[in-house]
PDB file of N, CA and C in Angstrom:
ATOM      1  N   MET A   1      -6.890 -14.142  -0.829  1.00  0.00           N
ATOM      2  CA  MET A   1      -7.015 -15.422  -2.101  1.00  0.00           C
ATOM      3  C   MET A   1      -6.740 -16.802  -1.513  1.00  0.00           C
ATOM      4  N   LYS A   2      -7.360 -17.506  -1.681  1.00  0.00           N
ATOM      5  CA  LYS A   2      -6.989 -18.941  -1.271  1.00  0.00           C
ATOM      6  C   LYS A   2      -6.528 -19.670  -2.377  1.00  0.00           C
ATOM      7  N   ILE A   3      -5.332 -20.664  -1.546  1.00  0.00           N
ATOM      8  CA  ILE A   3      -4.903 -21.808  -2.777  1.00  0.00           C
ATOM      9  C   ILE A   3      -5.476 -22.217  -3.421  1.00  0.00           C
ATOM     10  N   GLN A   4      -6.648 -23.067  -3.096  1.00  0.00           N
ATOM     11  CA  GLN A   4      -7.629 -23.652  -3.788  1.00  0.00           C
ATOM     12  C   GLN A   4      -8.076 -23.230  -4.985  1.00  0.00           C
ATOM     13  N   GLU A   5      -8.241 -21.538  -4.937  1.00  0.00           N
ATOM     14  CA  GLU A   5      -8.665 -20.889  -5.544  1.00  0.00           C
ATOM     15  C   GLU A   5      -7.583 -20.857  -7.252  1.00  0.00           C
ATOM     16  N   LEU A   6      -6.739 -20.708  -6.484  1.00  0.00           N
ATOM     17  CA  LEU A   6      -5.669 -20.540  -7.492  1.00  0.00           C
ATOM     18  C   LEU A   6      -5.509 -21.581  -7.997  1.00  0.00           C
ATOM     19  N   ARG A   7      -5.236 -22.742  -7.344  1.00  0.00           N
ATOM     20  CA  ARG A   7      -4.827 -24.025  -8.674  1.00  0.00           C
ATOM     21  C   ARG A   7      -5.951 -24.259  -9.455  1.00  0.00           C
ATOM     22  N   ASN A   8      -6.952 -23.813  -9.339  1.00  0.00           N
ATOM     23  CA  ASN A   8      -7.922 -23.876 -10.439  1.00  0.00           C
ATOM     24  C   ASN A   8      -8.236 -22.935 -11.369  1.00  0.00           C
ATOM     25  N   LEU A   9      -7.203 -22.179 -11.689  1.00  0.00           N
ATOM     26  CA  LEU A   9      -7.167 -21.491 -12.713  1.00  0.00           C
ATOM     27  C   LEU A   9      -6.062 -21.752 -13.666  1.00  0.00           C
ATOM     28  N   SER A  10      -6.171 -20.778 -14.805  1.00  0.00           N
ATOM     29  CA  SER A  10      -5.230 -21.310 -16.030  1.00  0.00           C
ATOM     30  C   SER A  10      -4.051 -20.663 -15.572  1.00  0.00           C
ATOM     31  N   VAL A  11      -3.141 -21.098 -16.439  1.00  0.00           N
ATOM     32  CA  VAL A  11      -1.941 -20.701 -16.599  1.00  0.00           C
ATOM     33  C   VAL A  11      -2.159 -18.406 -16.884  1.00  0.00           C
ATOM     34  N   GLU A  12      -2.643 -18.694 -17.956  1.00  0.00           N
ATOM     35  CA  GLU A  12      -2.463 -17.450 -18.244  1.00  0.00           C
ATOM     36  C   GLU A  12      -3.459 -16.375 -17.403  1.00  0.00           C
ATOM     37  N   ASP A  13      -4.728 -16.784 -16.578  1.00  0.00           N
ATOM     38  CA  ASP A  13      -4.861 -16.278 -15.807  1.00  0.00           C
ATOM     39  C   ASP A  13      -4.029 -15.920 -14.480  1.00  0.00           C
ATOM     40  N   LEU A  14      -3.455 -16.971 -14.063  1.00  0.00           N
ATOM     41  CA  LEU A  14      -2.533 -16.413 -13.112  1.00  0.00           C
ATOM     42  C   LEU A  14      -1.877 -15.596 -13.413  1.00  0.00           C
ATOM     43  N   MET A  15      -0.818 -15.388 -14.690  1.00  0.00           N
ATOM     44  CA  MET A  15       0.243 -14.613 -14.913  1.00  0.00           C
ATOM     45  C   MET A  15      -0.452 -13.282 -15.058  1.00  0.00           C
ATOM     46  N   LEU A  16      -2.249 -12.926 -15.417  1.00  0.00           N
ATOM     47  CA  LEU A  16      -2.835 -11.853 -15.682  1.00  0.00           C
ATOM     48  C   LEU A  16      -3.264 -11.206 -14.151  1.00  0.00           C
ATOM     49  N   ARG A  17      -3.143 -12.406 -13.042  1.00  0.00           N
ATOM     50  CA  ARG A  17      -3.437 -12.220 -11.736  1.00  0.00           C
ATOM     51  C   ARG A  17      -2.245 -11.329 -11.499  1.00  0.00           C
ATOM     52  N   LEU A  18      -1.375 -12.144 -11.618  1.00  0.00           N
ATOM     53  CA  LEU A  18       0.352 -11.848 -10.827  1.00  0.00           C
ATOM     54  C   LEU A  18       0.691 -10.352 -11.336  1.00  0.00           C
ATOM     55  N   ASP A  19       0.733  -9.755 -12.450  1.00  0.00           N
ATOM     56  CA  ASP A  19       0.753  -8.542 -12.875  1.00  0.00           C
ATOM     57  C   ASP A  19      -0.226  -7.364 -12.964  1.00  0.00           C
ATOM     58  N   GLN A  20      -1.341  -7.717 -12.348  1.00  0.00           N
ATOM     59  CA  GLN A  20      -2.241  -6.919 -11.288  1.00  0.00           C
ATOM     60  C   GLN A  20      -1.915  -6.643 -10.144  1.00  0.00           C
ATOM     61  N   LEU A  21      -1.634  -8.000  -9.238  1.00  0.00           N
ATOM     62  CA  LEU A  21      -0.973  -7.725  -8.161  1.00  0.00           C
ATOM     63  C   LEU A  21       0.281  -6.972  -7.773  1.00  0.00           C
ATOM     64  N   ARG A  22       1.184  -7.147  -9.154  1.00  0.00           N
ATOM     65  CA  ARG A  22       2.438  -6.375  -8.623  1.00  0.00           C
ATOM     66  C   ARG A  22       2.512  -4.786  -9.181  1.00  0.00           C
ATOM     67  N   GLU A  23       1.434  -4.273  -9.918  1.00  0.00           N
ATOM     68  CA  GLU A  23       1.298  -3.175 -10.270  1.00  0.00           C
ATOM     69  C   GLU A  23       0.562  -2.674  -8.662  1.00  0.00           C
ATOM     70  N   GLY A  24      -0.592  -3.559  -8.091  1.00  0.00           N
ATOM     71  CA  GLY A  24      -0.886  -2.644  -7.204  1.00  0.00           C
ATOM     72  C   GLY A  24      -0.413  -2.864  -5.884  1.00  0.00           C
ATOM     73  N   LEU A  25       0.778  -3.503  -5.769  1.00  0.00           N
ATOM     74  CA  LEU A  25       1.697  -3.666  -4.965  1.00  0.00           C
ATOM     75  C   LEU A  25       2.660  -2.026  -5.204  1.00  0.00           C
ATOM     76  N   PHE A  26       3.054  -1.932  -6.255  1.00  0.00           N
ATOM     77  CA  PHE A  26       3.627  -0.607  -6.286  1.00  0.00           C
ATOM     78  C   PHE A  26       2.964   0.784  -5.942  1.00  0.00           C
ATOM     79  N   LYS A  27       1.411   0.509  -6.443  1.00  0.00           N
ATOM     80  CA  LYS A  27       0.861   1.906  -5.925  1.00  0.00           C
ATOM     81  C   LYS A  27       0.798   1.664  -4.625  1.00  0.00           C
ATOM     82  N   GLY A  28       0.512   0.453  -3.917  1.00  0.00           N
ATOM     83  CA  GLY A  28       0.405   0.473  -2.747  1.00  0.00           C
ATOM     84  C   GLY A  28       1.422   1.134  -1.984  1.00  0.00           C
ATOM     85  N   ARG A  29       2.524   0.864  -2.287  1.00  0.00           N
ATOM     86  CA  ARG A  29       3.913   1.266  -1.676  1.00  0.00           C
ATOM     87  C   ARG A  29       4.383   3.046  -1.785  1.00  0.00           C
ATOM     88  N   VAL A  30       3.693   3.535  -3.363  1.00  0.00           N
ATOM     89  CA  VAL A  30       3.673   4.972  -3.489  1.00  0.00           C
ATOM     90  C   VAL A  30       2.863   5.209  -2.167  1.00  0.00           C
ATOM     91  N   ARG A  31       1.428   4.938  -2.299  1.00  0.00           N
ATOM     92  CA  ARG A  31       0.932   5.523  -1.670  1.00  0.00           C
ATOM     93  C   ARG A  31       1.282   5.564   0.163  1.00  0.00           C
ATOM     94  N   ALA A  32       1.784   4.441   0.526  1.00  0.00           N
ATOM     95  CA  ALA A  32       2.563   4.202   1.909  1.00  0.00           C
ATOM     96  C   ALA A  32       3.676   5.810   2.130  1.00  0.00           C
ATOM     97  N   ALA A  33       4.381   5.562   1.133  1.00  0.00           N
ATOM     98  CA  ALA A  33       5.374   6.188   0.842  1.00  0.00           C
ATOM     99  C   ALA A  33       4.931   8.132   1.287  1.00  0.00           C
ATOM    100  N   THR A  34       3.547   8.487   0.540  1.00  0.00           N
ATOM    101  CA  THR A  34       3.307  10.022   0.626  1.00  0.00           C
ATOM    102  C   THR A  34       2.129   9.602   1.478  1.00  0.00           C
ATOM    103  N   LYS A  35       2.077   8.874   2.860  1.00  0.00           N
ATOM    104  CA  LYS A  35       1.419   8.872   3.678  1.00  0.00           C
ATOM    105  C   LYS A  35      -0.150   8.898   3.421  1.00  0.00           C
ATOM    106  N   GLU A  36      -0.471   8.713   2.299  1.00  0.00           N
ATOM    107  CA  GLU A  36      -1.966   8.248   1.802  1.00  0.00           C
ATOM    108  C   GLU A  36      -2.516   6.859   2.354  1.00  0.00           C
ATOM    109  N   LEU A  37      -2.014   6.219   2.434  1.00  0.00           N
ATOM    110  CA  LEU A  37      -2.412   4.596   2.941  1.00  0.00           C
ATOM    111  C   LEU A  37      -2.754   4.403   3.841  1.00  0.00           C
ATOM    112  N   ASP A  38      -4.204   4.076   4.442  1.00  0.00           N
ATOM    113  CA  ASP A  38      -4.688   3.823   5.814  1.00  0.00           C
ATOM    114  C   ASP A  38      -4.442   3.039   6.504  1.00  0.00           C
ATOM    115  N   ASN A  39      -4.605   1.626   5.424  1.00  0.00           N
ATOM    116  CA  ASN A  39      -4.399   0.254   6.010  1.00  0.00           C
ATOM    117  C   ASN A  39      -2.821  -0.212   5.353  1.00  0.00           C
ATOM    118  N   VAL A  40      -1.924  -0.149   6.512  1.00  0.00           N
ATOM    119  CA  VAL A  40      -1.006  -1.255   5.342  1.00  0.00           C
ATOM    120  C   VAL A  40      -0.804  -2.554   5.488  1.00  0.00           C
ATOM    121  N   MET A  41      -1.487  -2.849   6.177  1.00  0.00           N
ATOM    122  CA  MET A  41      -1.822  -4.605   5.860  1.00  0.00           C
ATOM    123  C   MET A  41      -2.237  -4.860   4.348  1.00  0.00           C
ATOM    124  N   ILE A  42      -2.474  -3.825   3.702  1.00  0.00           N
ATOM    125  CA  ILE A  42      -2.963  -4.537   2.336  1.00  0.00           C
ATOM    126  C   ILE A  42      -1.404  -4.458   1.694  1.00  0.00           C
ATOM    127  N   ILE A  43      -0.411  -4.124   1.840  1.00  0.00           N
ATOM    128  CA  ILE A  43       0.731  -4.135   1.288  1.00  0.00           C
ATOM    129  C   ILE A  43       1.263  -6.073   1.547  1.00  0.00           C
ATOM    130  N   ARG A  44       0.828  -6.184   2.700  1.00  0.00           N
ATOM    131  CA  ARG A  44       1.562  -7.826   3.542  1.00  0.00           C
ATOM    132  C   ARG A  44       0.698  -8.411   2.948  1.00  0.00           C
ATOM    133  N   ASN A  45      -0.618  -8.089   2.640  1.00  0.00           N
ATOM    134  CA  ASN A  45      -1.240  -9.283   1.862  1.00  0.00           C
ATOM    135  C   ASN A  45      -1.087  -9.609   0.697  1.00  0.00           C
ATOM    136  N   THR A  46      -0.997  -8.108  -0.191  1.00  0.00           N
ATOM    137  CA  THR A  46      -0.253  -8.354  -1.492  1.00  0.00           C
ATOM    138  C   THR A  46       0.801  -9.051  -1.875  1.00  0.00           C
ATOM    139  N   ARG A  47       1.892  -8.881  -1.513  1.00  0.00           N
ATOM    140  CA  ARG A  47       2.896  -9.731  -1.403  1.00  0.00           C
ATOM    141  C   ARG A  47       2.352 -10.894  -1.052  1.00  0.00           C
ATOM    142  N   ARG A  48       1.987 -11.491  -0.356  1.00  0.00           N
ATOM    143  CA  ARG A  48       1.390 -12.958   0.311  1.00  0.00           C
ATOM    144  C   ARG A  48       1.097 -13.493  -1.022  1.00  0.00           C
ATOM    145  N   ASP A  49      -0.351 -12.804  -1.486  1.00  0.00           N
ATOM    146  CA  ASP A  49      -0.723 -13.189  -2.446  1.00  0.00           C
ATOM    147  C   ASP A  49       0.210 -13.713  -3.990  1.00  0.00           C
ATOM    148  N   ILE A  50       0.867 -12.273  -4.299  1.00  0.00           N
ATOM    149  CA  ILE A  50       2.161 -12.793  -5.167  1.00  0.00           C
ATOM    150  C   ILE A  50       2.763 -13.737  -4.824  1.00  0.00           C
ATOM    151  N   ALA A  51       3.240 -14.512  -3.656  1.00  0.00           N
ATOM    152  CA  ALA A  51       4.159 -15.468  -3.398  1.00  0.00           C
ATOM    153  C   ALA A  51       2.922 -16.695  -3.561  1.00  0.00           C
ATOM    154  N   ARG A  52       1.722 -16.874  -2.982  1.00  0.00           N
ATOM    155  CA  ARG A  52       0.824 -17.827  -2.982  1.00  0.00           C
ATOM    156  C   ARG A  52       0.796 -17.996  -4.867  1.00  0.00           C
ATOM    157  N   ILE A  53       0.765 -16.798  -5.917  1.00  0.00           N
ATOM    158  CA  ILE A  53       0.819 -17.448  -7.384  1.00  0.00           C
ATOM    159  C   ILE A  53       1.739 -17.899  -7.278  1.00  0.00           C
ATOM    160  N   LEU A  54       2.875 -17.428  -7.386  1.00  0.00           N
ATOM    161  CA  LEU A  54       4.435 -18.087  -7.933  1.00  0.00           C
ATOM    162  C   LEU A  54       4.553 -19.389  -7.710  1.00  0.00           C
ATOM    163  N   THR A  55       4.212 -19.766  -6.154  1.00  0.00           N
ATOM    164  CA  THR A  55       4.053 -21.125  -6.113  1.00  0.00           C
ATOM    165  C   THR A  55       3.473 -22.101  -6.717  1.00  0.00           C
ATOM    166  N   VAL A  56       1.752 -21.750  -6.921  1.00  0.00           N
ATOM    167  CA  VAL A  56       1.203 -22.497  -7.783  1.00  0.00           C
ATOM    168  C   VAL A  56       1.717 -22.051  -9.125  1.00  0.00           C
ATOM    169  N   LEU A  57       2.428 -21.219  -9.712  1.00  0.00           N
ATOM    170  CA  LEU A  57       2.754 -21.194 -11.568  1.00  0.00           C
ATOM    171  C   LEU A  57       4.088 -22.309 -11.304  1.00  0.00           C
ATOM    172  N   ARG A  58       4.987 -22.510  -9.965  1.00  0.00           N
ATOM    173  CA  ARG A  58       6.147 -23.652  -9.967  1.00  0.00           C
ATOM    174  C   ARG A  58       5.754 -25.095  -9.959  1.00  0.00           C
ATOM    175  N   GLN A  59       4.587 -25.172  -9.063  1.00  0.00           N
ATOM    176  CA  GLN A  59       3.737 -26.264  -9.129  1.00  0.00           C
ATOM    177  C   GLN A  59       3.510 -26.814 -10.672  1.00  0.00           C
ATOM    178  N   LYS A  60       3.104 -26.154 -11.134  1.00  0.00           N
ATOM    179  CA  LYS A  60       2.335 -26.426 -12.714  1.00  0.00           C
ATOM    180  C   LYS A  60       3.609 -26.568 -13.550  1.00  0.00           C
ATOM    181  N   GLY A  61       5.060 -26.259 -13.487  1.00  0.00           N
ATOM    182  CA  GLY A  61       6.163 -26.034 -13.636  1.00  0.00           C
ATOM    183  C   GLY A  61       6.464 -24.804 -14.910  1.00  0.00           C
ATOM    184  N   VAL A  62       6.065 -23.857 -14.290  1.00  0.00           N
ATOM    185  CA  VAL A  62       6.284 -22.558 -15.491  1.00  0.00           C
ATOM    186  C   VAL A  62       6.986 -21.876 -15.009  1.00  0.00           C
ATOM    187  N   LYS A  63       7.990 -21.464 -15.815  1.00  0.00           N
ATOM    188  CA  LYS A  63       9.436 -20.973 -15.144  1.00  0.00           C
ATOM    189  C   LYS A  63       8.614 -19.010 -15.486  1.00  0.00           C
ATOM    190  N   VAL A  64       8.921 -18.570 -14.287  1.00  0.00           N
ATOM    191  CA  VAL A  64       8.851 -16.853 -14.218  1.00  0.00           C
ATOM    192  C   VAL A  64       9.777 -16.338 -13.950  1.00  0.00           C
TER     193      VAL A  64
END
């Protein structure tokens, strides 16, 4: 997900996407722990997407 795409989203959309990514990160970690996850880069990319969203939210002045 590109940072410019995130900057164009509303705060509500960013919060919704943040919740979805956090849930996906949890599921990815569980799948990795049970050896069901083939591509572990999914976890890394999800963490980075979460960080990008948090950065944009902080730039917009939203307390998370």
